[in-house]
Amino acid sequence: MMEVTVAVIGAGNREGQSIASALVQDGGFKVRAAFQDLASPEALTLSASGVETVQYDPEDACSVDAALRGMNCSVIITTTNFQESDPLKSEIRRGYSLAEGCKRQGVRHVVFLAQHHVHRKYGLPARHMDAKASINDYMNEISLPKTEVILPYYFEDLVAAPKPSPSGHCTYKLALPMGDTAMDGISLVQVGPVIASILKNPHRWIGKSCSLSADRLTIKEYAVRLSRVLHPTQFQDDRISVRAFVESHGGPDAPDLGNMFEFWKKGSQQMSRTLTSELCPEVQTFHTWVSQNKDHIRHALNIH
C-alpha cells in the first residue's frame, strides 16, 4: 500500500495542531507540518516529536510549492488577521495562493477548513467566515479534489472565549448571544481524528461537504451541563444581546463575531451529528467533554 503523505498547511493554528497531532498518533500517515514561524512553540513541539516541519510563506509561490511537493494529501487552514487593513481580501489572497499551489503540485486530496457565506446570504459581514467561503468557491472553480469541512463553536471556547463571568457566590454567566436558539459545538481535540478519517477514505469524501457537530444545545442547556458536573458551582445563560456582546467584546473582530451569532440564530448552521459520528464514532457530547476536562475548567476559571 502506498504511504499516505499529508502536508498540514497552517499547522501553527489551533486546528492545525489538533490535526497534525491526530495524524501522527494514528500512525497511518507521514506528516509534514508547515509553519510560518519555525521558532514557534507549536513548531518546536512537533519537531521534537519527530514530525517534519517546514517554513512557508502563503504569498510566495515557490515557498508554497516546496511545502506541498511530493505530498499525496494536504490539509489547508487559513487564518483571519483582523489587524490587517483588509482582513477579508488578505485571507482570500493567501487562500487562493495555497489552492493554486495544490493544483500545481498535483495534490490528490485537499481537505479545507471552510465556512458559510454570511454576507452573501444575509448582508451581514463576518469576514472570518466569508473569506473561507470565498476560498472554498475558488477551490471548486479550479477543480481541486477536495473535501470541505465546516466547524462549529468549540467546547473549549465556551469556557474561554469569552470567559464565563463571575456573578455572585459560586455562579458564572455564559455571555454568548444565541437566545433560545441551539448552537452546535465540538471539542477542538476531536477535529484531528475527524480529518484523519476523511483522509483514510478519499473516494468516500472527495467532493463532499462535512458540517460537523458533536452536540447541539441552547446556551441555557450548556450552562446546565456545566453546573451538573462542576457542582456546587453554577452556570447561567447571561441572555446577552448581540449588540451588547459586540460592545463588551471590543476589538476589530467584534462585529464579525456578532454577525456570526446572528447567522447561527437564523438557523443557518445545518450541521450533522450523524455524519460526525460516522467520521469519529468516539466523538464526545458536551457533557462527556466537561466530565473529562473538569479539572482544567476549574483551573481556568479559578474555581477552588
C-alpha atoms as a PDB file:
ATOM      1  CA  MET A   1       0.000   0.000   0.000  1.00  0.00           C
ATOM      2  CA  MET A   2       1.299   3.437  -0.936  1.00  0.00           C
ATOM      3  CA  GLU A   3       2.237   5.583   2.036  1.00  0.00           C
ATOM      4  CA  VAL A   4      -0.208   8.443   2.638  1.00  0.00           C
ATOM      5  CA  THR A   5       1.759  11.671   2.896  1.00  0.00           C
ATOM      6  CA  VAL A   6      -0.034  14.713   4.256  1.00  0.00           C
ATOM      7  CA  ALA A   7       1.033  18.346   4.382  1.00  0.00           C
ATOM      8  CA  VAL A   8      -0.744  20.284   7.124  1.00  0.00           C
ATOM      9  CA  ILE A   9      -0.585  23.881   5.890  1.00  0.00           C
ATOM     10  CA  GLY A  10      -1.264  26.239   8.776  1.00  0.00           C
ATOM     11  CA  ALA A  11      -0.051  23.875  11.483  1.00  0.00           C
ATOM     12  CA  GLY A  12       0.536  26.809  13.819  1.00  0.00           C
ATOM     13  CA  ASN A  13      -3.207  27.340  14.218  1.00  0.00           C
ATOM     14  CA  ARG A  14      -5.196  25.567  16.933  1.00  0.00           C
ATOM     15  CA  GLU A  15      -6.876  23.396  14.328  1.00  0.00           C
ATOM     16  CA  GLY A  16      -3.551  22.617  12.678  1.00  0.00           C
ATOM     17  CA  GLN A  17      -2.113  21.446  15.992  1.00  0.00           C
ATOM     18  CA  SER A  18      -5.080  19.140  16.575  1.00  0.00           C
ATOM     19  CA  ILE A  19      -4.909  17.741  13.057  1.00  0.00           C
ATOM     20  CA  ALA A  20      -1.141  17.217  12.887  1.00  0.00           C
ATOM     21  CA  SER A  21      -1.107  15.548  16.315  1.00  0.00           C
ATOM     22  CA  ALA A  22      -4.006  13.230  15.427  1.00  0.00           C
ATOM     23  CA  LEU A  23      -2.406  12.184  12.144  1.00  0.00           C
ATOM     24  CA  VAL A  24       0.862  11.377  13.914  1.00  0.00           C
ATOM     25  CA  GLN A  25      -0.920   9.425  16.659  1.00  0.00           C
ATOM     26  CA  ASP A  26      -2.893   7.486  14.065  1.00  0.00           C
ATOM     27  CA  GLY A  27       0.320   6.041  12.654  1.00  0.00           C
ATOM     28  CA  GLY A  28      -1.027   5.672   9.119  1.00  0.00           C
ATOM     29  CA  PHE A  29       0.341   8.931   7.756  1.00  0.00           C
ATOM     30  CA  LYS A  30       3.674  10.591   7.064  1.00  0.00           C
ATOM     31  CA  VAL A  31       3.082  14.171   8.189  1.00  0.00           C
ATOM     32  CA  ARG A  32       4.735  17.384   7.061  1.00  0.00           C
ATOM     33  CA  ALA A  33       3.680  20.343   9.201  1.00  0.00           C
ATOM     34  CA  ALA A  34       4.068  23.767   7.545  1.00  0.00           C
ATOM     35  CA  PHE A  35       4.528  26.807   9.770  1.00  0.00           C
ATOM     36  CA  GLN A  36       5.065  30.462   9.051  1.00  0.00           C
ATOM     37  CA  ASP A  37       7.357  30.569  12.100  1.00  0.00           C
ATOM     38  CA  LEU A  38       9.534  27.525  12.764  1.00  0.00           C
ATOM     39  CA  ALA A  39      10.650  29.042  16.073  1.00  0.00           C
ATOM     40  CA  SER A  40       7.115  28.997  17.488  1.00  0.00           C
ATOM     41  CA  PRO A  41       6.452  26.711  20.475  1.00  0.00           C
ATOM     42  CA  GLU A  42       3.978  24.718  18.381  1.00  0.00           C
ATOM     43  CA  ALA A  43       6.550  24.068  15.646  1.00  0.00           C
ATOM     44  CA  LEU A  44       9.277  23.142  18.141  1.00  0.00           C
ATOM     45  CA  THR A  45       6.937  20.714  19.935  1.00  0.00           C
ATOM     46  CA  LEU A  46       6.011  18.892  16.737  1.00  0.00           C
ATOM     47  CA  SER A  47       9.599  18.852  15.528  1.00  0.00           C
ATOM     48  CA  ALA A  48      10.739  17.353  18.840  1.00  0.00           C
ATOM     49  CA  SER A  49       8.211  14.554  18.382  1.00  0.00           C
ATOM     50  CA  GLY A  50       9.810  13.626  15.055  1.00  0.00           C
ATOM     51  CA  VAL A  51       7.408  15.372  12.675  1.00  0.00           C
ATOM     52  CA  GLU A  52       8.900  17.029   9.592  1.00  0.00           C
ATOM     53  CA  THR A  53       8.381  20.769   9.957  1.00  0.00           C
ATOM     54  CA  VAL A  54       8.900  23.301   7.178  1.00  0.00           C
ATOM     55  CA  GLN A  55       8.520  27.042   6.884  1.00  0.00           C
ATOM     56  CA  TYR A  56       6.231  28.563   4.276  1.00  0.00           C
ATOM     57  CA  ASP A  57       5.003  31.947   3.134  1.00  0.00           C
ATOM     58  CA  PRO A  58       1.450  31.673   1.755  1.00  0.00           C
ATOM     59  CA  GLU A  59       2.086  34.590  -0.608  1.00  0.00           C
ATOM     60  CA  ASP A  60       5.292  33.118  -2.082  1.00  0.00           C
ATOM     61  CA  ALA A  61       4.534  30.523  -4.776  1.00  0.00           C
ATOM     62  CA  CYS A  62       7.966  28.894  -4.510  1.00  0.00           C
ATOM     63  CA  SER A  63       7.580  28.549  -0.751  1.00  0.00           C
ATOM     64  CA  VAL A  64       4.103  27.055  -1.101  1.00  0.00           C
ATOM     65  CA  ASP A  65       5.320  24.614  -3.767  1.00  0.00           C
ATOM     66  CA  ALA A  66       8.156  23.467  -1.520  1.00  0.00           C
ATOM     67  CA  ALA A  67       5.756  22.810   1.362  1.00  0.00           C
ATOM     68  CA  LEU A  68       3.442  20.745  -0.857  1.00  0.00           C
ATOM     69  CA  ARG A  69       5.952  18.979  -3.108  1.00  0.00           C
ATOM     70  CA  GLY A  70       5.658  15.197  -3.028  1.00  0.00           C
ATOM     71  CA  MET A  71       2.544  15.149  -0.856  1.00  0.00           C
ATOM     72  CA  ASN A  72      -0.459  12.938  -1.680  1.00  0.00           C
ATOM     73  CA  CYS A  73      -2.782  14.996   0.514  1.00  0.00           C
ATOM     74  CA  SER A  74      -2.989  18.404   2.089  1.00  0.00           C
ATOM     75  CA  VAL A  75      -4.999  19.951   4.888  1.00  0.00           C
ATOM     76  CA  ILE A  76      -5.376  23.708   4.373  1.00  0.00           C
ATOM     77  CA  ILE A  77      -6.099  26.022   7.307  1.00  0.00           C
ATOM     78  CA  THR A  78      -6.290  29.766   6.705  1.00  0.00           C
ATOM     79  CA  THR A  79      -6.435  32.498   9.329  1.00  0.00           C
ATOM     80  CA  THR A  80      -8.132  35.878   9.512  1.00  0.00           C
ATOM     81  CA  ASN A  81      -5.785  38.582  10.778  1.00  0.00           C
ATOM     82  CA  PHE A  82      -8.076  41.368  11.968  1.00  0.00           C
ATOM     83  CA  GLN A  83      -5.092  43.640  12.492  1.00  0.00           C
ATOM     84  CA  GLU A  84      -4.562  43.923   8.733  1.00  0.00           C
ATOM     85  CA  SER A  85      -6.053  46.834   6.789  1.00  0.00           C
ATOM     86  CA  ASP A  86      -8.313  44.475   4.818  1.00  0.00           C
ATOM     87  CA  PRO A  87      -8.539  41.109   6.614  1.00  0.00           C
ATOM     88  CA  LEU A  88     -11.056  39.685   4.140  1.00  0.00           C
ATOM     89  CA  LYS A  89      -9.034  40.322   0.976  1.00  0.00           C
ATOM     90  CA  SER A  90      -5.759  39.336   2.641  1.00  0.00           C
ATOM     91  CA  GLU A  91      -7.040  35.930   3.759  1.00  0.00           C
ATOM     92  CA  ILE A  92      -8.647  35.309   0.378  1.00  0.00           C
ATOM     93  CA  ARG A  93      -5.394  36.177  -1.398  1.00  0.00           C
ATOM     94  CA  ARG A  94      -3.431  33.760   0.770  1.00  0.00           C
ATOM     95  CA  GLY A  95      -6.049  31.047   0.348  1.00  0.00           C
ATOM     96  CA  TYR A  96      -6.014  31.401  -3.439  1.00  0.00           C
ATOM     97  CA  SER A  97      -2.224  31.057  -3.384  1.00  0.00           C
ATOM     98  CA  LEU A  98      -2.429  27.829  -1.385  1.00  0.00           C
ATOM     99  CA  ALA A  99      -5.159  26.450  -3.669  1.00  0.00           C
ATOM    100  CA  GLU A 100      -3.059  27.190  -6.754  1.00  0.00           C
ATOM    101  CA  GLY A 101      -0.069  25.505  -5.102  1.00  0.00           C
ATOM    102  CA  CYS A 102      -2.120  22.342  -4.554  1.00  0.00           C
ATOM    103  CA  LYS A 103      -3.124  22.449  -8.212  1.00  0.00           C
ATOM    104  CA  ARG A 104       0.458  22.900  -9.443  1.00  0.00           C
ATOM    105  CA  GLN A 105       1.779  20.115  -7.241  1.00  0.00           C
ATOM    106  CA  GLY A 106      -0.967  17.659  -8.201  1.00  0.00           C
ATOM    107  CA  VAL A 107      -2.175  17.057  -4.634  1.00  0.00           C
ATOM    108  CA  ARG A 108      -4.686  14.207  -4.876  1.00  0.00           C
ATOM    109  CA  HIS A 109      -6.867  15.112  -1.902  1.00  0.00           C
ATOM    110  CA  VAL A 110      -7.259  18.524  -0.315  1.00  0.00           C
ATOM    111  CA  VAL A 111      -9.146  18.951   2.953  1.00  0.00           C
ATOM    112  CA  PHE A 112     -10.076  22.590   3.518  1.00  0.00           C
ATOM    113  CA  LEU A 113     -11.489  24.073   6.719  1.00  0.00           C
ATOM    114  CA  ALA A 114     -14.197  26.141   5.053  1.00  0.00           C
ATOM    115  CA  GLN A 115     -17.142  28.206   6.264  1.00  0.00           C
ATOM    116  CA  HIS A 116     -20.501  29.549   5.125  1.00  0.00           C
ATOM    117  CA  HIS A 117     -21.146  32.745   3.134  1.00  0.00           C
ATOM    118  CA  VAL A 118     -22.663  35.032   5.757  1.00  0.00           C
ATOM    119  CA  HIS A 119     -22.516  38.390   3.968  1.00  0.00           C
ATOM    120  CA  ARG A 120     -23.772  36.939   0.682  1.00  0.00           C
ATOM    121  CA  LYS A 121     -26.761  35.285   2.343  1.00  0.00           C
ATOM    122  CA  TYR A 122     -27.866  37.907   4.849  1.00  0.00           C
ATOM    123  CA  GLY A 123     -25.823  41.045   4.156  1.00  0.00           C
ATOM    124  CA  LEU A 124     -24.027  40.602   7.485  1.00  0.00           C
ATOM    125  CA  PRO A 125     -20.238  40.803   7.130  1.00  0.00           C
ATOM    126  CA  ALA A 126     -18.459  38.040   9.028  1.00  0.00           C
ATOM    127  CA  ARG A 127     -15.060  38.313   7.427  1.00  0.00           C
ATOM    128  CA  HIS A 128     -13.509  35.280   9.128  1.00  0.00           C
ATOM    129  CA  MET A 129     -16.287  33.142   7.606  1.00  0.00           C
ATOM    130  CA  ASP A 130     -16.783  34.972   4.295  1.00  0.00           C
ATOM    131  CA  ALA A 131     -13.087  34.692   3.407  1.00  0.00           C
ATOM    132  CA  LYS A 132     -13.048  30.928   3.889  1.00  0.00           C
ATOM    133  CA  ALA A 133     -16.276  30.558   1.906  1.00  0.00           C
ATOM    134  CA  SER A 134     -14.735  32.510  -0.996  1.00  0.00           C
ATOM    135  CA  ILE A 135     -11.552  30.408  -0.912  1.00  0.00           C
ATOM    136  CA  ASN A 136     -13.693  27.270  -0.928  1.00  0.00           C
ATOM    137  CA  ASP A 137     -15.537  28.561  -4.009  1.00  0.00           C
ATOM    138  CA  TYR A 138     -12.224  29.162  -5.774  1.00  0.00           C
ATOM    139  CA  MET A 139     -11.028  25.648  -4.969  1.00  0.00           C
ATOM    140  CA  ASN A 140     -14.188  24.373  -6.640  1.00  0.00           C
ATOM    141  CA  GLU A 141     -13.626  26.625  -9.664  1.00  0.00           C
ATOM    142  CA  ILE A 142     -10.136  25.229 -10.282  1.00  0.00           C
ATOM    143  CA  SER A 143     -11.418  21.662  -9.729  1.00  0.00           C
ATOM    144  CA  LEU A 144      -9.327  20.638  -6.763  1.00  0.00           C
ATOM    145  CA  PRO A 145     -10.135  17.125  -5.481  1.00  0.00           C
ATOM    146  CA  LYS A 146     -11.442  18.493  -2.220  1.00  0.00           C
ATOM    147  CA  THR A 147     -13.398  17.795   0.934  1.00  0.00           C
ATOM    148  CA  GLU A 148     -14.697  20.867   2.717  1.00  0.00           C
ATOM    149  CA  VAL A 149     -15.063  20.671   6.487  1.00  0.00           C
ATOM    150  CA  ILE A 150     -17.183  23.253   8.304  1.00  0.00           C
ATOM    151  CA  LEU A 151     -16.577  23.538  12.023  1.00  0.00           C
ATOM    152  CA  PRO A 152     -18.988  24.768  14.728  1.00  0.00           C
ATOM    153  CA  TYR A 153     -18.201  26.543  18.000  1.00  0.00           C
ATOM    154  CA  TYR A 154     -15.540  24.818  20.088  1.00  0.00           C
ATOM    155  CA  PHE A 155     -16.427  23.431  23.510  1.00  0.00           C
ATOM    156  CA  GLU A 156     -13.105  24.839  24.723  1.00  0.00           C
ATOM    157  CA  ASP A 157     -14.233  28.361  23.823  1.00  0.00           C
ATOM    158  CA  LEU A 158     -17.414  28.058  25.874  1.00  0.00           C
ATOM    159  CA  VAL A 159     -15.222  28.374  28.960  1.00  0.00           C
ATOM    160  CA  ALA A 160     -12.579  30.671  27.479  1.00  0.00           C
ATOM    161  CA  ALA A 161     -13.767  32.977  24.673  1.00  0.00           C
ATOM    162  CA  PRO A 162     -15.449  34.876  26.169  1.00  0.00           C
ATOM    163  CA  LYS A 163     -14.583  33.564  29.603  1.00  0.00           C
ATOM    164  CA  PRO A 164     -17.642  32.994  31.830  1.00  0.00           C
ATOM    165  CA  SER A 165     -18.013  35.970  34.155  1.00  0.00           C
ATOM    166  CA  PRO A 166     -18.468  35.615  37.940  1.00  0.00           C
ATOM    167  CA  SER A 167     -21.947  36.600  39.102  1.00  0.00           C
ATOM    168  CA  GLY A 168     -22.325  36.209  42.824  1.00  0.00           C
ATOM    169  CA  HIS A 169     -21.171  33.346  45.035  1.00  0.00           C
ATOM    170  CA  CYS A 170     -20.149  30.224  43.053  1.00  0.00           C
ATOM    171  CA  THR A 171     -22.064  31.437  39.981  1.00  0.00           C
ATOM    172  CA  TYR A 172     -20.859  32.183  36.462  1.00  0.00           C
ATOM    173  CA  LYS A 173     -22.659  33.502  33.407  1.00  0.00           C
ATOM    174  CA  LEU A 174     -22.135  32.434  29.789  1.00  0.00           C
ATOM    175  CA  ALA A 175     -22.265  35.545  27.600  1.00  0.00           C
ATOM    176  CA  LEU A 176     -22.961  34.110  24.151  1.00  0.00           C
ATOM    177  CA  PRO A 177     -25.796  35.855  22.249  1.00  0.00           C
ATOM    178  CA  MET A 178     -27.765  32.862  20.971  1.00  0.00           C
ATOM    179  CA  GLY A 179     -31.023  33.460  22.872  1.00  0.00           C
ATOM    180  CA  ASP A 180     -33.161  30.323  22.732  1.00  0.00           C
ATOM    181  CA  THR A 181     -31.552  29.013  19.525  1.00  0.00           C
ATOM    182  CA  ALA A 182     -29.458  25.871  19.911  1.00  0.00           C
ATOM    183  CA  MET A 183     -25.782  26.127  18.946  1.00  0.00           C
ATOM    184  CA  ASP A 184     -23.675  23.288  17.550  1.00  0.00           C
ATOM    185  CA  GLY A 185     -20.352  22.506  19.154  1.00  0.00           C
ATOM    186  CA  ILE A 186     -17.410  20.118  19.108  1.00  0.00           C
ATOM    187  CA  SER A 187     -14.161  19.709  21.005  1.00  0.00           C
ATOM    188  CA  LEU A 188     -11.151  21.103  19.172  1.00  0.00           C
ATOM    189  CA  VAL A 189      -9.259  17.941  20.134  1.00  0.00           C
ATOM    190  CA  GLN A 190     -11.638  15.814  18.070  1.00  0.00           C
ATOM    191  CA  VAL A 191     -11.223  17.802  14.863  1.00  0.00           C
ATOM    192  CA  GLY A 192      -7.987  15.919  14.209  1.00  0.00           C
ATOM    193  CA  PRO A 193      -9.451  12.393  14.317  1.00  0.00           C
ATOM    194  CA  VAL A 194     -12.291  13.515  12.021  1.00  0.00           C
ATOM    195  CA  ILE A 195      -9.778  14.775   9.435  1.00  0.00           C
ATOM    196  CA  ALA A 196      -7.790  11.533   9.735  1.00  0.00           C
ATOM    197  CA  SER A 197     -10.958   9.552   8.980  1.00  0.00           C
ATOM    198  CA  ILE A 198     -11.650  11.683   5.886  1.00  0.00           C
ATOM    199  CA  LEU A 199      -8.099  11.248   4.580  1.00  0.00           C
ATOM    200  CA  LYS A 200      -8.286   7.469   5.013  1.00  0.00           C
ATOM    201  CA  ASN A 201     -11.261   7.209   2.657  1.00  0.00           C
ATOM    202  CA  PRO A 202     -10.799   9.758  -0.161  1.00  0.00           C
ATOM    203  CA  HIS A 203     -13.203   8.020  -2.551  1.00  0.00           C
ATOM    204  CA  ARG A 204     -15.983   8.428   0.023  1.00  0.00           C
ATOM    205  CA  TRP A 205     -15.285  12.052   0.895  1.00  0.00           C
ATOM    206  CA  ILE A 206     -13.792  13.870  -2.105  1.00  0.00           C
ATOM    207  CA  GLY A 207     -16.414  16.266  -3.446  1.00  0.00           C
ATOM    208  CA  LYS A 208     -18.340  16.230  -0.168  1.00  0.00           C
ATOM    209  CA  SER A 209     -19.098  18.906   2.425  1.00  0.00           C
ATOM    210  CA  CYS A 210     -18.813  17.786   6.041  1.00  0.00           C
ATOM    211  CA  SER A 211     -20.512  20.091   8.551  1.00  0.00           C
ATOM    212  CA  LEU A 212     -19.520  18.828  11.975  1.00  0.00           C
ATOM    213  CA  SER A 213     -21.383  18.774  15.280  1.00  0.00           C
ATOM    214  CA  ALA A 214     -20.837  16.718  18.417  1.00  0.00           C
ATOM    215  CA  ASP A 215     -23.725  18.315  20.306  1.00  0.00           C
ATOM    216  CA  ARG A 216     -26.436  20.902  19.747  1.00  0.00           C
ATOM    217  CA  LEU A 217     -27.669  22.763  22.824  1.00  0.00           C
ATOM    218  CA  THR A 218     -29.029  26.135  23.837  1.00  0.00           C
ATOM    219  CA  ILE A 219     -26.732  28.283  25.976  1.00  0.00           C
ATOM    220  CA  LYS A 220     -29.012  27.518  28.918  1.00  0.00           C
ATOM    221  CA  GLU A 221     -28.534  23.785  28.278  1.00  0.00           C
ATOM    222  CA  TYR A 222     -24.751  24.205  28.031  1.00  0.00           C
ATOM    223  CA  ALA A 223     -24.922  26.022  31.388  1.00  0.00           C
ATOM    224  CA  VAL A 224     -26.993  23.213  32.948  1.00  0.00           C
ATOM    225  CA  ARG A 225     -24.441  20.590  31.923  1.00  0.00           C
ATOM    226  CA  LEU A 226     -21.569  22.649  33.296  1.00  0.00           C
ATOM    227  CA  SER A 227     -23.475  23.075  36.569  1.00  0.00           C
ATOM    228  CA  ARG A 228     -24.150  19.339  36.914  1.00  0.00           C
ATOM    229  CA  VAL A 229     -20.511  18.359  36.531  1.00  0.00           C
ATOM    230  CA  LEU A 230     -18.942  21.299  38.403  1.00  0.00           C
ATOM    231  CA  HIS A 231     -21.428  21.393  41.309  1.00  0.00           C
ATOM    232  CA  PRO A 232     -21.665  23.348  43.589  1.00  0.00           C
ATOM    233  CA  THR A 233     -20.510  25.948  41.063  1.00  0.00           C
ATOM    234  CA  GLN A 234     -23.492  27.048  38.979  1.00  0.00           C
ATOM    235  CA  PHE A 235     -23.618  28.405  35.442  1.00  0.00           C
ATOM    236  CA  GLN A 236     -26.346  30.510  33.826  1.00  0.00           C
ATOM    237  CA  ASP A 237     -27.164  31.938  30.414  1.00  0.00           C
ATOM    238  CA  ASP A 238     -26.436  35.671  30.594  1.00  0.00           C
ATOM    239  CA  ARG A 239     -29.135  36.291  27.932  1.00  0.00           C
ATOM    240  CA  ILE A 240     -26.866  38.879  26.348  1.00  0.00           C
ATOM    241  CA  SER A 241     -27.981  40.521  23.100  1.00  0.00           C
ATOM    242  CA  VAL A 242     -25.794  40.549  20.005  1.00  0.00           C
ATOM    243  CA  ARG A 243     -25.414  44.313  20.307  1.00  0.00           C
ATOM    244  CA  ALA A 244     -24.303  44.076  23.939  1.00  0.00           C
ATOM    245  CA  PHE A 245     -21.936  41.232  23.060  1.00  0.00           C
ATOM    246  CA  VAL A 246     -20.275  43.312  20.334  1.00  0.00           C
ATOM    247  CA  GLU A 247     -19.923  46.302  22.672  1.00  0.00           C
ATOM    248  CA  SER A 248     -18.482  44.243  25.522  1.00  0.00           C
ATOM    249  CA  HIS A 249     -16.179  42.152  23.341  1.00  0.00           C
ATOM    250  CA  GLY A 250     -14.489  45.116  21.682  1.00  0.00           C
ATOM    251  CA  GLY A 251     -11.693  44.686  19.178  1.00  0.00           C
ATOM    252  CA  PRO A 252     -11.757  44.771  15.386  1.00  0.00           C
ATOM    253  CA  ASP A 253     -13.371  41.323  15.150  1.00  0.00           C
ATOM    254  CA  ALA A 254     -16.329  42.109  17.440  1.00  0.00           C
ATOM    255  CA  PRO A 255     -18.849  42.999  14.686  1.00  0.00           C
ATOM    256  CA  ASP A 256     -17.849  39.889  12.715  1.00  0.00           C
ATOM    257  CA  LEU A 257     -18.377  37.614  15.713  1.00  0.00           C
ATOM    258  CA  GLY A 258     -21.694  39.305  16.420  1.00  0.00           C
ATOM    259  CA  ASN A 259     -22.804  38.662  12.844  1.00  0.00           C
ATOM    260  CA  MET A 260     -21.656  35.040  13.134  1.00  0.00           C
ATOM    261  CA  PHE A 261     -24.027  34.558  16.063  1.00  0.00           C
ATOM    262  CA  GLU A 262     -26.826  36.342  14.152  1.00  0.00           C
ATOM    263  CA  PHE A 263     -26.210  33.948  11.262  1.00  0.00           C
ATOM    264  CA  TRP A 264     -26.441  30.943  13.557  1.00  0.00           C
ATOM    265  CA  LYS A 265     -29.574  32.305  15.242  1.00  0.00           C
ATOM    266  CA  LYS A 266     -31.255  32.351  11.841  1.00  0.00           C
ATOM    267  CA  GLY A 267     -30.865  28.569  11.783  1.00  0.00           C
ATOM    268  CA  SER A 268     -28.107  28.594   9.200  1.00  0.00           C
ATOM    269  CA  GLN A 269     -25.642  26.153  10.784  1.00  0.00           C
ATOM    270  CA  GLN A 270     -27.153  22.946   9.355  1.00  0.00           C
ATOM    271  CA  MET A 271     -24.512  20.785  10.985  1.00  0.00           C
ATOM    272  CA  SER A 272     -24.742  16.986  11.157  1.00  0.00           C
ATOM    273  CA  ARG A 273     -24.197  14.971  14.314  1.00  0.00           C
ATOM    274  CA  THR A 274     -24.904  11.769  12.379  1.00  0.00           C
ATOM    275  CA  LEU A 275     -22.149  12.441   9.851  1.00  0.00           C
ATOM    276  CA  THR A 276     -19.760  13.481  12.627  1.00  0.00           C
ATOM    277  CA  SER A 277     -20.392  10.216  14.486  1.00  0.00           C
ATOM    278  CA  GLU A 278     -19.727   8.296  11.278  1.00  0.00           C
ATOM    279  CA  LEU A 279     -16.381  10.018  10.888  1.00  0.00           C
ATOM    280  CA  CYS A 280     -15.478   9.806  14.584  1.00  0.00           C
ATOM    281  CA  PRO A 281     -17.520   7.187  16.498  1.00  0.00           C
ATOM    282  CA  GLU A 282     -15.848   8.245  19.769  1.00  0.00           C
ATOM    283  CA  VAL A 283     -16.931  11.874  19.375  1.00  0.00           C
ATOM    284  CA  GLN A 284     -17.798  13.409  22.758  1.00  0.00           C
ATOM    285  CA  THR A 285     -21.005  15.150  23.740  1.00  0.00           C
ATOM    286  CA  PHE A 286     -20.585  18.350  25.730  1.00  0.00           C
ATOM    287  CA  HIS A 287     -21.455  16.577  28.987  1.00  0.00           C
ATOM    288  CA  THR A 288     -18.764  13.946  28.376  1.00  0.00           C
ATOM    289  CA  TRP A 289     -16.236  16.602  27.410  1.00  0.00           C
ATOM    290  CA  VAL A 290     -16.924  18.616  30.591  1.00  0.00           C
ATOM    291  CA  SER A 291     -16.659  15.459  32.724  1.00  0.00           C
ATOM    292  CA  GLN A 292     -13.257  14.620  31.246  1.00  0.00           C
ATOM    293  CA  ASN A 293     -11.969  18.201  31.468  1.00  0.00           C
ATOM    294  CA  LYS A 294     -13.496  19.378  34.753  1.00  0.00           C
ATOM    295  CA  ASP A 295     -10.144  19.917  36.486  1.00  0.00           C
ATOM    296  CA  HIS A 296      -8.883  22.033  33.583  1.00  0.00           C
ATOM    297  CA  ILE A 297     -12.102  24.084  33.586  1.00  0.00           C
ATOM    298  CA  ARG A 298     -11.903  24.670  37.336  1.00  0.00           C
ATOM    299  CA  HIS A 299      -8.302  25.811  36.974  1.00  0.00           C
ATOM    300  CA  ALA A 300      -9.122  28.114  34.037  1.00  0.00           C
ATOM    301  CA  LEU A 301     -11.945  29.774  35.976  1.00  0.00           C
ATOM    302  CA  ASN A 302     -10.032  29.758  39.272  1.00  0.00           C
ATOM    303  CA  ILE A 303     -12.692  27.607  40.931  1.00  0.00           C
ATOM    304  CA  HIS A 304     -11.466  26.100  44.213  1.00  0.00           C
END
